[in-house]
Amino acid sequence: MRRRTPPPPSPLPQRHGVDAVRVRLPADGAWATVREHLVERLTGAGPGAVEALFAAGRIVAADGRPVAPDAPYEPGAFVWFHRELPAEVPVPFPVRVVYQDEHIVVADKPHFLATTPRGSHVTQTALARLRHELGLPALGAAHRLDRLTAGLVLFTVRPEERGAYQTLFRDRAVRKEYEAVAPYDPSLGLPRTVRSRIVKERGVLAAREVPGEPNALTHVTPAGHRDGLGRYRLVPETGQTHQLRVHLNSLGIPILGDPLYPEVAPPVPPDDFRRPLQLLARTLQFTDPITGRPHHFTSTRTLQAWASPEEWRG
């Protein structure tokens, strides 16, 4: 089997921890120039956006030189440019580094901060911040946490090693333990294991449970209760979208601060950080696939509804 040649490195440095966009020109097509292809391909950029990038010399070839608007189309060639960054409200909480060596970085992510650039969240992400703050432009995420979930995230320092760490999560060789605060129901009969089939449809905010073979499994254990609230330890055996939130909701104890379950709440302003989802990725435990070293990391964050119930209610 013929191995695919890797693309050349980006001639553009990162901007605010964000990589330049790389575009490979298709092997076949009827475009006379690079500009014609990009205008047709990048329709989401808006009218005149591609022409403006060419005029400013911001679309470059592998040698770093600007591509002329009338440059002939070359099948298989690469071009790079930096997209316009969306206006983002700064998330006013730090990303704490729990552990760092030459292979990995373990970070303690705050609520409201996305793990990696996606959609309208680009610079306000844990990955972009850590690349900039630690001076590690090749840093990559081995897995992701929801933007609204706080806690531990594993990043890799060397791109060639990222696959080894991602395989740990794919093969369920990482033990992850979460903590949540939700209503207390003494009739639930915990601990228990929740099994169901969860589906998440593109364009629909909330996931849902449907009949069929279970694809999601969560161990739910009580960890204390007071004043009508329960503290729960959650150990997922699978990683379906919103799995922990869906499973606690199905038990009749939706996680406090959840804007999607049991029903989708009206959107809040992007600068409103008062009601974080009370879900925390508390521990990560695994054997390092590169060094063979056993790792066990614990988040130092607390859930506001449990640590400061008066402040939460206020």
C-alpha atoms as a PDB file:
ATOM      1  CA  MET A   1       0.000   0.000   0.000  1.00  0.00           C
ATOM      2  CA  ARG A   2       1.430   3.363  -1.029  1.00  0.00           C
ATOM      3  CA  ARG A   3       2.016   5.727   1.875  1.00  0.00           C
ATOM      4  CA  ARG A   4       0.653   9.238   1.545  1.00  0.00           C
ATOM      5  CA  THR A   5       3.271  11.994   1.583  1.00  0.00           C
ATOM      6  CA  PRO A   6       2.785  14.227   4.644  1.00  0.00           C
ATOM      7  CA  PRO A   7       2.012  17.886   3.950  1.00  0.00           C
ATOM      8  CA  PRO A   8       4.839  20.413   4.317  1.00  0.00           C
ATOM      9  CA  PRO A   9       5.050  22.394   7.564  1.00  0.00           C
ATOM     10  CA  SER A  10       3.137  25.629   7.812  1.00  0.00           C
ATOM     11  CA  PRO A  11       5.181  28.646   6.696  1.00  0.00           C
ATOM     12  CA  LEU A  12       3.043  30.861   8.952  1.00  0.00           C
ATOM     13  CA  PRO A  13       3.528  31.041  12.721  1.00  0.00           C
ATOM     14  CA  GLN A  14       0.595  30.515  15.042  1.00  0.00           C
ATOM     15  CA  ARG A  15      -1.484  33.530  15.978  1.00  0.00           C
ATOM     16  CA  HIS A  16      -2.725  33.626  19.574  1.00  0.00           C
ATOM     17  CA  GLY A  17      -2.033  29.892  19.787  1.00  0.00           C
ATOM     18  CA  VAL A  18      -4.124  29.142  16.679  1.00  0.00           C
ATOM     19  CA  ASP A  19      -2.707  27.433  13.570  1.00  0.00           C
ATOM     20  CA  ALA A  20      -3.022  28.896  10.108  1.00  0.00           C
ATOM     21  CA  VAL A  21      -5.614  27.273   7.848  1.00  0.00           C
ATOM     22  CA  ARG A  22      -4.046  24.840   5.363  1.00  0.00           C
ATOM     23  CA  VAL A  23      -5.778  24.205   2.023  1.00  0.00           C
ATOM     24  CA  ARG A  24      -4.707  21.520  -0.445  1.00  0.00           C
ATOM     25  CA  LEU A  25      -5.735  22.172  -4.010  1.00  0.00           C
ATOM     26  CA  PRO A  26      -7.660  19.193  -5.452  1.00  0.00           C
ATOM     27  CA  ALA A  27      -5.961  16.951  -7.999  1.00  0.00           C
ATOM     28  CA  ASP A  28      -8.605  17.663 -10.612  1.00  0.00           C
ATOM     29  CA  GLY A  29     -10.737  20.680 -11.441  1.00  0.00           C
ATOM     30  CA  ALA A  30     -11.352  23.311 -14.084  1.00  0.00           C
ATOM     31  CA  TRP A  31     -10.014  26.341 -12.183  1.00  0.00           C
ATOM     32  CA  ALA A  32      -7.537  28.517 -14.025  1.00  0.00           C
ATOM     33  CA  THR A  33      -6.150  30.237 -10.920  1.00  0.00           C
ATOM     34  CA  VAL A  34      -5.776  29.571  -7.199  1.00  0.00           C
ATOM     35  CA  ARG A  35      -8.047  32.548  -6.538  1.00  0.00           C
ATOM     36  CA  GLU A  36     -10.894  31.048  -8.575  1.00  0.00           C
ATOM     37  CA  HIS A  37     -10.752  27.832  -6.579  1.00  0.00           C
ATOM     38  CA  LEU A  38     -10.641  29.544  -3.187  1.00  0.00           C
ATOM     39  CA  VAL A  39     -13.530  31.862  -4.023  1.00  0.00           C
ATOM     40  CA  GLU A  40     -15.623  28.826  -4.909  1.00  0.00           C
ATOM     41  CA  ARG A  41     -14.424  26.763  -1.954  1.00  0.00           C
ATOM     42  CA  LEU A  42     -14.517  29.327   0.856  1.00  0.00           C
ATOM     43  CA  THR A  43     -18.050  30.592   0.368  1.00  0.00           C
ATOM     44  CA  GLY A  44     -18.565  30.825   4.129  1.00  0.00           C
ATOM     45  CA  ALA A  45     -15.923  33.549   4.391  1.00  0.00           C
ATOM     46  CA  GLY A  46     -18.325  36.115   2.944  1.00  0.00           C
ATOM     47  CA  PRO A  47     -18.380  38.239  -0.211  1.00  0.00           C
ATOM     48  CA  GLY A  48     -15.004  39.731  -1.063  1.00  0.00           C
ATOM     49  CA  ALA A  49     -13.178  37.991   1.796  1.00  0.00           C
ATOM     50  CA  VAL A  50     -10.900  35.881  -0.403  1.00  0.00           C
ATOM     51  CA  GLU A  51     -10.059  38.834  -2.642  1.00  0.00           C
ATOM     52  CA  ALA A  52      -9.160  40.863   0.446  1.00  0.00           C
ATOM     53  CA  LEU A  53      -6.798  38.128   1.657  1.00  0.00           C
ATOM     54  CA  PHE A  54      -5.043  38.085  -1.726  1.00  0.00           C
ATOM     55  CA  ALA A  55      -4.824  41.885  -1.826  1.00  0.00           C
ATOM     56  CA  ALA A  56      -3.195  41.927   1.608  1.00  0.00           C
ATOM     57  CA  GLY A  57      -0.722  39.187   0.685  1.00  0.00           C
ATOM     58  CA  ARG A  58      -2.086  36.937   3.434  1.00  0.00           C
ATOM     59  CA  ILE A  59      -2.447  33.771   1.343  1.00  0.00           C
ATOM     60  CA  VAL A  60       0.984  32.162   1.106  1.00  0.00           C
ATOM     61  CA  ALA A  61       2.628  29.157  -0.523  1.00  0.00           C
ATOM     62  CA  ALA A  62       4.887  26.552   1.106  1.00  0.00           C
ATOM     63  CA  ASP A  63       7.889  28.895   0.821  1.00  0.00           C
ATOM     64  CA  GLY A  64       6.048  31.593   2.779  1.00  0.00           C
ATOM     65  CA  ARG A  65       5.716  33.939  -0.168  1.00  0.00           C
ATOM     66  CA  PRO A  66       2.332  35.532  -0.965  1.00  0.00           C
ATOM     67  CA  VAL A  67       0.343  33.869  -3.724  1.00  0.00           C
ATOM     68  CA  ALA A  68      -0.603  36.302  -6.502  1.00  0.00           C
ATOM     69  CA  PRO A  69      -4.314  36.574  -7.372  1.00  0.00           C
ATOM     70  CA  ASP A  70      -3.559  35.409 -10.914  1.00  0.00           C
ATOM     71  CA  ALA A  71      -1.248  32.537  -9.854  1.00  0.00           C
ATOM     72  CA  PRO A  72      -2.044  29.488 -11.997  1.00  0.00           C
ATOM     73  CA  TYR A  73      -3.832  26.568 -10.393  1.00  0.00           C
ATOM     74  CA  GLU A  74      -1.458  23.732  -9.427  1.00  0.00           C
ATOM     75  CA  PRO A  75      -3.194  20.442  -8.501  1.00  0.00           C
ATOM     76  CA  GLY A  76      -1.976  19.061  -5.176  1.00  0.00           C
ATOM     77  CA  ALA A  77      -0.302  22.275  -4.050  1.00  0.00           C
ATOM     78  CA  PHE A  78      -0.853  23.738  -0.569  1.00  0.00           C
ATOM     79  CA  VAL A  79      -1.647  27.286   0.505  1.00  0.00           C
ATOM     80  CA  TRP A  80      -2.000  28.757   3.988  1.00  0.00           C
ATOM     81  CA  PHE A  81      -3.723  31.759   5.542  1.00  0.00           C
ATOM     82  CA  HIS A  82      -4.966  32.956   8.909  1.00  0.00           C
ATOM     83  CA  ARG A  83      -8.723  33.277   9.121  1.00  0.00           C
ATOM     84  CA  GLU A  84     -10.283  36.250  10.820  1.00  0.00           C
ATOM     85  CA  LEU A  85     -10.700  35.399  14.486  1.00  0.00           C
ATOM     86  CA  PRO A  86     -14.192  35.788  15.925  1.00  0.00           C
ATOM     87  CA  ALA A  87     -14.807  38.327  18.657  1.00  0.00           C
ATOM     88  CA  GLU A  88     -14.794  36.352  21.898  1.00  0.00           C
ATOM     89  CA  VAL A  89     -15.624  37.285  25.475  1.00  0.00           C
ATOM     90  CA  PRO A  90     -12.568  36.387  27.591  1.00  0.00           C
ATOM     91  CA  VAL A  91     -13.207  33.547  30.046  1.00  0.00           C
ATOM     92  CA  PRO A  92     -11.935  35.106  33.316  1.00  0.00           C
ATOM     93  CA  PHE A  93     -10.566  31.905  34.862  1.00  0.00           C
ATOM     94  CA  PRO A  94      -7.051  30.447  34.554  1.00  0.00           C
ATOM     95  CA  VAL A  95      -6.047  27.090  33.119  1.00  0.00           C
ATOM     96  CA  ARG A  96      -3.993  25.382  35.828  1.00  0.00           C
ATOM     97  CA  VAL A  97      -1.144  23.090  34.845  1.00  0.00           C
ATOM     98  CA  VAL A  98      -1.226  20.044  37.113  1.00  0.00           C
ATOM     99  CA  TYR A  99       1.700  18.196  35.524  1.00  0.00           C
ATOM    100  CA  GLN A 100       4.178  18.711  32.705  1.00  0.00           C
ATOM    101  CA  ASP A 101       7.047  16.709  31.261  1.00  0.00           C
ATOM    102  CA  GLU A 102       8.636  16.322  27.830  1.00  0.00           C
ATOM    103  CA  HIS A 103       5.705  14.196  26.620  1.00  0.00           C
ATOM    104  CA  ILE A 104       2.476  15.465  28.198  1.00  0.00           C
ATOM    105  CA  VAL A 105       0.756  18.378  29.898  1.00  0.00           C
ATOM    106  CA  VAL A 106      -2.159  17.731  32.254  1.00  0.00           C
ATOM    107  CA  ALA A 107      -4.307  20.839  32.704  1.00  0.00           C
ATOM    108  CA  ASP A 108      -7.154  21.642  35.077  1.00  0.00           C
ATOM    109  CA  LYS A 109      -9.658  23.402  32.810  1.00  0.00           C
ATOM    110  CA  PRO A 110     -12.210  25.877  34.199  1.00  0.00           C
ATOM    111  CA  HIS A 111     -15.896  25.903  33.362  1.00  0.00           C
ATOM    112  CA  PHE A 112     -16.929  27.844  30.221  1.00  0.00           C
ATOM    113  CA  LEU A 113     -13.605  27.292  28.414  1.00  0.00           C
ATOM    114  CA  ALA A 114     -13.632  25.011  25.359  1.00  0.00           C
ATOM    115  CA  THR A 115     -10.866  22.428  25.092  1.00  0.00           C
ATOM    116  CA  THR A 116      -9.929  23.026  21.436  1.00  0.00           C
ATOM    117  CA  PRO A 117     -10.836  25.654  18.804  1.00  0.00           C
ATOM    118  CA  ARG A 118     -14.254  25.025  17.341  1.00  0.00           C
ATOM    119  CA  GLY A 119     -16.978  27.253  15.940  1.00  0.00           C
ATOM    120  CA  SER A 120     -17.072  30.619  17.724  1.00  0.00           C
ATOM    121  CA  HIS A 121     -14.573  29.496  20.392  1.00  0.00           C
ATOM    122  CA  VAL A 122     -11.044  29.840  19.020  1.00  0.00           C
ATOM    123  CA  THR A 123      -8.591  31.801  21.153  1.00  0.00           C
ATOM    124  CA  GLN A 124     -10.701  31.302  24.278  1.00  0.00           C
ATOM    125  CA  THR A 125      -9.813  27.612  24.450  1.00  0.00           C
ATOM    126  CA  ALA A 126      -7.541  25.643  26.734  1.00  0.00           C
ATOM    127  CA  LEU A 127      -5.361  24.526  23.816  1.00  0.00           C
ATOM    128  CA  ALA A 128      -4.768  28.013  22.412  1.00  0.00           C
ATOM    129  CA  ARG A 129      -4.061  29.441  25.850  1.00  0.00           C
ATOM    130  CA  LEU A 130      -1.596  26.704  26.820  1.00  0.00           C
ATOM    131  CA  ARG A 131       0.257  26.880  23.504  1.00  0.00           C
ATOM    132  CA  HIS A 132       0.798  30.590  24.102  1.00  0.00           C
ATOM    133  CA  GLU A 133       1.447  30.495  27.861  1.00  0.00           C
ATOM    134  CA  LEU A 134       3.794  27.485  27.816  1.00  0.00           C
ATOM    135  CA  GLY A 135       5.510  28.305  24.536  1.00  0.00           C
ATOM    136  CA  LEU A 136       4.523  24.929  23.055  1.00  0.00           C
ATOM    137  CA  PRO A 137       3.134  25.594  19.554  1.00  0.00           C
ATOM    138  CA  ALA A 138       2.904  21.850  18.733  1.00  0.00           C
ATOM    139  CA  LEU A 139       0.771  21.065  21.792  1.00  0.00           C
ATOM    140  CA  GLY A 140      -2.294  18.960  20.961  1.00  0.00           C
ATOM    141  CA  ALA A 141      -5.278  17.551  22.848  1.00  0.00           C
ATOM    142  CA  ALA A 142      -5.452  13.796  23.451  1.00  0.00           C
ATOM    143  CA  HIS A 143      -9.189  14.049  24.259  1.00  0.00           C
ATOM    144  CA  ARG A 144     -11.782  16.722  24.986  1.00  0.00           C
ATOM    145  CA  LEU A 145     -14.082  17.932  27.728  1.00  0.00           C
ATOM    146  CA  ASP A 146     -17.319  19.800  27.060  1.00  0.00           C
ATOM    147  CA  ARG A 147     -16.921  23.564  27.274  1.00  0.00           C
ATOM    148  CA  LEU A 148     -19.244  23.679  30.284  1.00  0.00           C
ATOM    149  CA  THR A 149     -17.441  20.888  32.166  1.00  0.00           C
ATOM    150  CA  ALA A 150     -14.418  21.715  34.338  1.00  0.00           C
ATOM    151  CA  GLY A 151     -11.514  19.455  35.216  1.00  0.00           C
ATOM    152  CA  LEU A 152      -8.579  17.473  33.920  1.00  0.00           C
ATOM    153  CA  VAL A 153      -7.561  17.342  30.259  1.00  0.00           C
ATOM    154  CA  LEU A 154      -4.536  15.554  28.799  1.00  0.00           C
ATOM    155  CA  PHE A 155      -2.442  17.307  26.142  1.00  0.00           C
ATOM    156  CA  THR A 156       0.540  15.943  24.213  1.00  0.00           C
ATOM    157  CA  VAL A 157       3.759  17.852  23.577  1.00  0.00           C
ATOM    158  CA  ARG A 158       5.011  15.957  20.506  1.00  0.00           C
ATOM    159  CA  PRO A 159       2.687  15.496  17.514  1.00  0.00           C
ATOM    160  CA  GLU A 160       4.258  12.137  16.642  1.00  0.00           C
ATOM    161  CA  GLU A 161       3.266  10.772  20.069  1.00  0.00           C
ATOM    162  CA  ARG A 162      -0.315  12.045  20.111  1.00  0.00           C
ATOM    163  CA  GLY A 163      -1.735   8.880  18.565  1.00  0.00           C
ATOM    164  CA  ALA A 164      -0.352   6.723  21.363  1.00  0.00           C
ATOM    165  CA  TYR A 165      -2.194   8.764  23.995  1.00  0.00           C
ATOM    166  CA  GLN A 166      -5.380   9.021  21.945  1.00  0.00           C
ATOM    167  CA  THR A 167      -5.342   5.232  21.676  1.00  0.00           C
ATOM    168  CA  LEU A 168      -5.525   5.004  25.474  1.00  0.00           C
ATOM    169  CA  PHE A 169      -8.878   6.791  25.415  1.00  0.00           C
ATOM    170  CA  ARG A 170     -10.116   4.839  22.399  1.00  0.00           C
ATOM    171  CA  ASP A 171      -9.265   1.533  24.103  1.00  0.00           C
ATOM    172  CA  ARG A 172     -10.734   2.690  27.449  1.00  0.00           C
ATOM    173  CA  ALA A 173      -7.343   2.312  29.124  1.00  0.00           C
ATOM    174  CA  VAL A 174      -7.821   5.591  31.017  1.00  0.00           C
ATOM    175  CA  ARG A 175      -9.811   5.590  34.238  1.00  0.00           C
ATOM    176  CA  LYS A 176     -11.799   8.814  34.474  1.00  0.00           C
ATOM    177  CA  GLU A 177     -13.785   9.811  37.520  1.00  0.00           C
ATOM    178  CA  TYR A 178     -16.167  12.757  37.618  1.00  0.00           C
ATOM    179  CA  GLU A 179     -17.985  14.598  40.370  1.00  0.00           C
ATOM    180  CA  ALA A 180     -21.410  16.199  40.072  1.00  0.00           C
ATOM    181  CA  VAL A 181     -23.910  18.051  42.246  1.00  0.00           C
ATOM    182  CA  ALA A 182     -27.591  17.366  41.612  1.00  0.00           C
ATOM    183  CA  PRO A 183     -30.827  17.028  43.594  1.00  0.00           C
ATOM    184  CA  TYR A 184     -30.868  14.324  46.266  1.00  0.00           C
ATOM    185  CA  ASP A 185     -33.390  11.496  45.914  1.00  0.00           C
ATOM    186  CA  PRO A 186     -33.189   8.866  48.673  1.00  0.00           C
ATOM    187  CA  SER A 187     -35.423   6.503  46.704  1.00  0.00           C
ATOM    188  CA  LEU A 188     -32.945   5.968  43.853  1.00  0.00           C
ATOM    189  CA  GLY A 189     -31.154   3.048  45.438  1.00  0.00           C
ATOM    190  CA  LEU A 190     -27.588   4.059  44.667  1.00  0.00           C
ATOM    191  CA  PRO A 191     -24.954   2.979  43.796  1.00  0.00           C
ATOM    192  CA  ARG A 192     -26.079   1.671  40.445  1.00  0.00           C
ATOM    193  CA  THR A 193     -24.902   1.303  36.871  1.00  0.00           C
ATOM    194  CA  VAL A 194     -26.880   3.151  34.216  1.00  0.00           C
ATOM    195  CA  ARG A 195     -26.958   1.628  30.735  1.00  0.00           C
ATOM    196  CA  SER A 196     -28.737   3.088  27.716  1.00  0.00           C
ATOM    197  CA  ARG A 197     -28.410   3.957  24.050  1.00  0.00           C
ATOM    198  CA  ILE A 198     -27.614   7.633  23.490  1.00  0.00           C
ATOM    199  CA  VAL A 199     -27.777   9.410  20.142  1.00  0.00           C
ATOM    200  CA  LYS A 200     -26.713  12.963  19.321  1.00  0.00           C
ATOM    201  CA  GLU A 201     -27.985  14.401  16.057  1.00  0.00           C
ATOM    202  CA  ARG A 202     -26.090  17.087  14.177  1.00  0.00           C
ATOM    203  CA  GLY A 203     -27.713  20.470  14.660  1.00  0.00           C
ATOM    204  CA  VAL A 204     -29.642  19.380  17.774  1.00  0.00           C
ATOM    205  CA  LEU A 205     -28.288  20.727  21.053  1.00  0.00           C
ATOM    206  CA  ALA A 206     -29.359  17.916  23.368  1.00  0.00           C
ATOM    207  CA  ALA A 207     -28.602  14.216  23.084  1.00  0.00           C
ATOM    208  CA  ARG A 208     -31.348  11.700  23.796  1.00  0.00           C
ATOM    209  CA  GLU A 209     -31.851   8.102  24.847  1.00  0.00           C
ATOM    210  CA  VAL A 210     -33.473   5.735  22.371  1.00  0.00           C
ATOM    211  CA  PRO A 211     -34.429   2.045  22.424  1.00  0.00           C
ATOM    212  CA  GLY A 212     -31.735  -0.368  21.336  1.00  0.00           C
ATOM    213  CA  GLU A 213     -28.437  -1.925  22.305  1.00  0.00           C
ATOM    214  CA  PRO A 214     -26.780   0.209  25.040  1.00  0.00           C
ATOM    215  CA  ASN A 215     -23.781   2.213  23.918  1.00  0.00           C
ATOM    216  CA  ALA A 216     -23.349   4.211  27.129  1.00  0.00           C
ATOM    217  CA  LEU A 217     -22.533   2.927  30.618  1.00  0.00           C
ATOM    218  CA  THR A 218     -22.009   4.982  33.769  1.00  0.00           C
ATOM    219  CA  HIS A 219     -21.382   3.898  37.370  1.00  0.00           C
ATOM    220  CA  VAL A 220     -23.148   6.297  39.766  1.00  0.00           C
ATOM    221  CA  THR A 221     -22.148   6.350  43.442  1.00  0.00           C
ATOM    222  CA  PRO A 222     -23.406   8.722  46.165  1.00  0.00           C
ATOM    223  CA  ALA A 223     -20.715  10.801  47.871  1.00  0.00           C
ATOM    224  CA  GLY A 224     -22.829  12.689  50.403  1.00  0.00           C
ATOM    225  CA  HIS A 225     -25.976  14.790  50.659  1.00  0.00           C
ATOM    226  CA  ARG A 226     -27.276  17.822  52.512  1.00  0.00           C
ATOM    227  CA  ASP A 227     -30.050  20.395  52.205  1.00  0.00           C
ATOM    228  CA  GLY A 228     -31.723  18.534  49.365  1.00  0.00           C
ATOM    229  CA  LEU A 229     -28.560  18.297  47.253  1.00  0.00           C
ATOM    230  CA  GLY A 230     -26.524  15.223  46.479  1.00  0.00           C
ATOM    231  CA  ARG A 231     -22.867  14.872  45.596  1.00  0.00           C
ATOM    232  CA  TYR A 232     -22.226  12.053  43.141  1.00  0.00           C
ATOM    233  CA  ARG A 233     -19.169  10.184  41.905  1.00  0.00           C
ATOM    234  CA  LEU A 234     -19.495   9.188  38.253  1.00  0.00           C
ATOM    235  CA  VAL A 235     -17.281   6.670  36.469  1.00  0.00           C
ATOM    236  CA  PRO A 236     -18.057   6.354  32.730  1.00  0.00           C
ATOM    237  CA  GLU A 237     -17.099   3.174  30.894  1.00  0.00           C
ATOM    238  CA  THR A 238     -17.960   4.773  27.541  1.00  0.00           C
ATOM    239  CA  GLY A 239     -17.706   8.269  26.101  1.00  0.00           C
ATOM    240  CA  GLN A 240     -20.936   9.264  24.380  1.00  0.00           C
ATOM    241  CA  THR A 241     -21.704  12.961  23.960  1.00  0.00           C
ATOM    242  CA  HIS A 242     -23.247  14.418  27.152  1.00  0.00           C
ATOM    243  CA  GLN A 243     -23.355  10.890  28.612  1.00  0.00           C
ATOM    244  CA  LEU A 244     -23.109  11.844  32.299  1.00  0.00           C
ATOM    245  CA  ARG A 245     -25.601  14.677  31.924  1.00  0.00           C
ATOM    246  CA  VAL A 246     -28.076  12.440  30.086  1.00  0.00           C
ATOM    247  CA  HIS A 247     -27.754   9.597  32.587  1.00  0.00           C
ATOM    248  CA  LEU A 248     -28.280  11.716  35.703  1.00  0.00           C
ATOM    249  CA  ASN A 249     -31.205  13.407  34.023  1.00  0.00           C
ATOM    250  CA  SER A 250     -32.711   9.982  33.235  1.00  0.00           C
ATOM    251  CA  LEU A 251     -32.475   9.176  36.952  1.00  0.00           C
ATOM    252  CA  GLY A 252     -34.530  12.280  37.708  1.00  0.00           C
ATOM    253  CA  ILE A 253     -31.594  14.207  39.178  1.00  0.00           C
ATOM    254  CA  PRO A 254     -30.346  16.578  36.453  1.00  0.00           C
ATOM    255  CA  ILE A 255     -27.006  18.211  37.198  1.00  0.00           C
ATOM    256  CA  LEU A 256     -27.288  21.716  38.614  1.00  0.00           C
ATOM    257  CA  GLY A 257     -26.576  24.489  36.133  1.00  0.00           C
ATOM    258  CA  ASP A 258     -27.282  22.305  33.102  1.00  0.00           C
ATOM    259  CA  PRO A 259     -28.738  24.454  30.288  1.00  0.00           C
ATOM    260  CA  LEU A 260     -29.862  21.437  28.200  1.00  0.00           C
ATOM    261  CA  TYR A 261     -31.304  18.827  30.563  1.00  0.00           C
ATOM    262  CA  PRO A 262     -34.086  18.237  31.411  1.00  0.00           C
ATOM    263  CA  GLU A 263     -35.003  20.944  28.878  1.00  0.00           C
ATOM    264  CA  VAL A 264     -33.164  23.499  26.790  1.00  0.00           C
ATOM    265  CA  ALA A 265     -33.009  26.787  28.675  1.00  0.00           C
ATOM    266  CA  PRO A 266     -33.016  30.252  27.069  1.00  0.00           C
ATOM    267  CA  PRO A 267     -29.498  31.357  26.109  1.00  0.00           C
ATOM    268  CA  VAL A 268     -27.556  33.481  28.568  1.00  0.00           C
ATOM    269  CA  PRO A 269     -25.249  36.374  27.633  1.00  0.00           C
ATOM    270  CA  PRO A 270     -21.722  35.201  26.757  1.00  0.00           C
ATOM    271  CA  ASP A 271     -20.280  37.202  29.660  1.00  0.00           C
ATOM    272  CA  ASP A 272     -22.550  35.555  32.271  1.00  0.00           C
ATOM    273  CA  PHE A 273     -20.372  33.120  34.228  1.00  0.00           C
ATOM    274  CA  ARG A 274     -22.551  32.892  37.345  1.00  0.00           C
ATOM    275  CA  ARG A 275     -24.114  29.444  36.907  1.00  0.00           C
ATOM    276  CA  PRO A 276     -21.488  26.901  35.827  1.00  0.00           C
ATOM    277  CA  LEU A 277     -22.550  23.339  35.156  1.00  0.00           C
ATOM    278  CA  GLN A 278     -21.847  21.460  38.384  1.00  0.00           C
ATOM    279  CA  LEU A 279     -19.788  18.736  36.718  1.00  0.00           C
ATOM    280  CA  LEU A 280     -16.061  18.209  37.259  1.00  0.00           C
ATOM    281  CA  ALA A 281     -13.576  15.760  35.721  1.00  0.00           C
ATOM    282  CA  ARG A 282     -11.964  14.947  39.053  1.00  0.00           C
ATOM    283  CA  THR A 283      -9.332  12.279  38.282  1.00  0.00           C
ATOM    284  CA  LEU A 284      -7.337  10.800  35.390  1.00  0.00           C
ATOM    285  CA  GLN A 285      -5.445   7.545  35.838  1.00  0.00           C
ATOM    286  CA  PHE A 286      -3.427   5.694  33.181  1.00  0.00           C
ATOM    287  CA  THR A 287      -0.088   4.113  32.348  1.00  0.00           C
ATOM    288  CA  ASP A 288       2.003   6.334  30.101  1.00  0.00           C
ATOM    289  CA  PRO A 289       2.350   4.571  26.712  1.00  0.00           C
ATOM    290  CA  ILE A 290       5.722   6.239  26.051  1.00  0.00           C
ATOM    291  CA  THR A 291       7.499   6.042  29.417  1.00  0.00           C
ATOM    292  CA  GLY A 292       5.585   3.185  31.058  1.00  0.00           C
ATOM    293  CA  ARG A 293       5.111   5.388  34.112  1.00  0.00           C
ATOM    294  CA  PRO A 294       1.817   5.085  36.049  1.00  0.00           C
ATOM    295  CA  HIS A 295      -0.018   8.413  36.384  1.00  0.00           C
ATOM    296  CA  HIS A 296      -2.808   9.456  38.740  1.00  0.00           C
ATOM    297  CA  PHE A 297      -3.907  13.089  38.648  1.00  0.00           C
ATOM    298  CA  THR A 298      -6.562  14.882  40.717  1.00  0.00           C
ATOM    299  CA  SER A 299      -8.256  18.217  40.077  1.00  0.00           C
ATOM    300  CA  THR A 300      -8.056  20.816  42.840  1.00  0.00           C
ATOM    301  CA  ARG A 301     -11.224  22.586  41.701  1.00  0.00           C
ATOM    302  CA  THR A 302     -14.434  22.562  43.692  1.00  0.00           C
ATOM    303  CA  LEU A 303     -18.073  22.652  42.648  1.00  0.00           C
ATOM    304  CA  GLN A 304     -19.675  25.869  43.822  1.00  0.00           C
ATOM    305  CA  ALA A 305     -23.095  24.429  44.678  1.00  0.00           C
ATOM    306  CA  TRP A 306     -21.453  22.024  47.137  1.00  0.00           C
ATOM    307  CA  ALA A 307     -18.565  24.109  48.470  1.00  0.00           C
ATOM    308  CA  SER A 308     -20.544  27.379  48.753  1.00  0.00           C
ATOM    309  CA  PRO A 309     -24.272  26.575  48.629  1.00  0.00           C
ATOM    310  CA  GLU A 310     -25.317  30.031  49.847  1.00  0.00           C
ATOM    311  CA  GLU A 311     -23.286  31.689  47.114  1.00  0.00           C
ATOM    312  CA  TRP A 312     -24.775  29.306  44.529  1.00  0.00           C
ATOM    313  CA  ARG A 313     -28.338  30.015  45.640  1.00  0.00           C
ATOM    314  CA  GLY A 314     -27.632  33.744  45.666  1.00  0.00           C
END
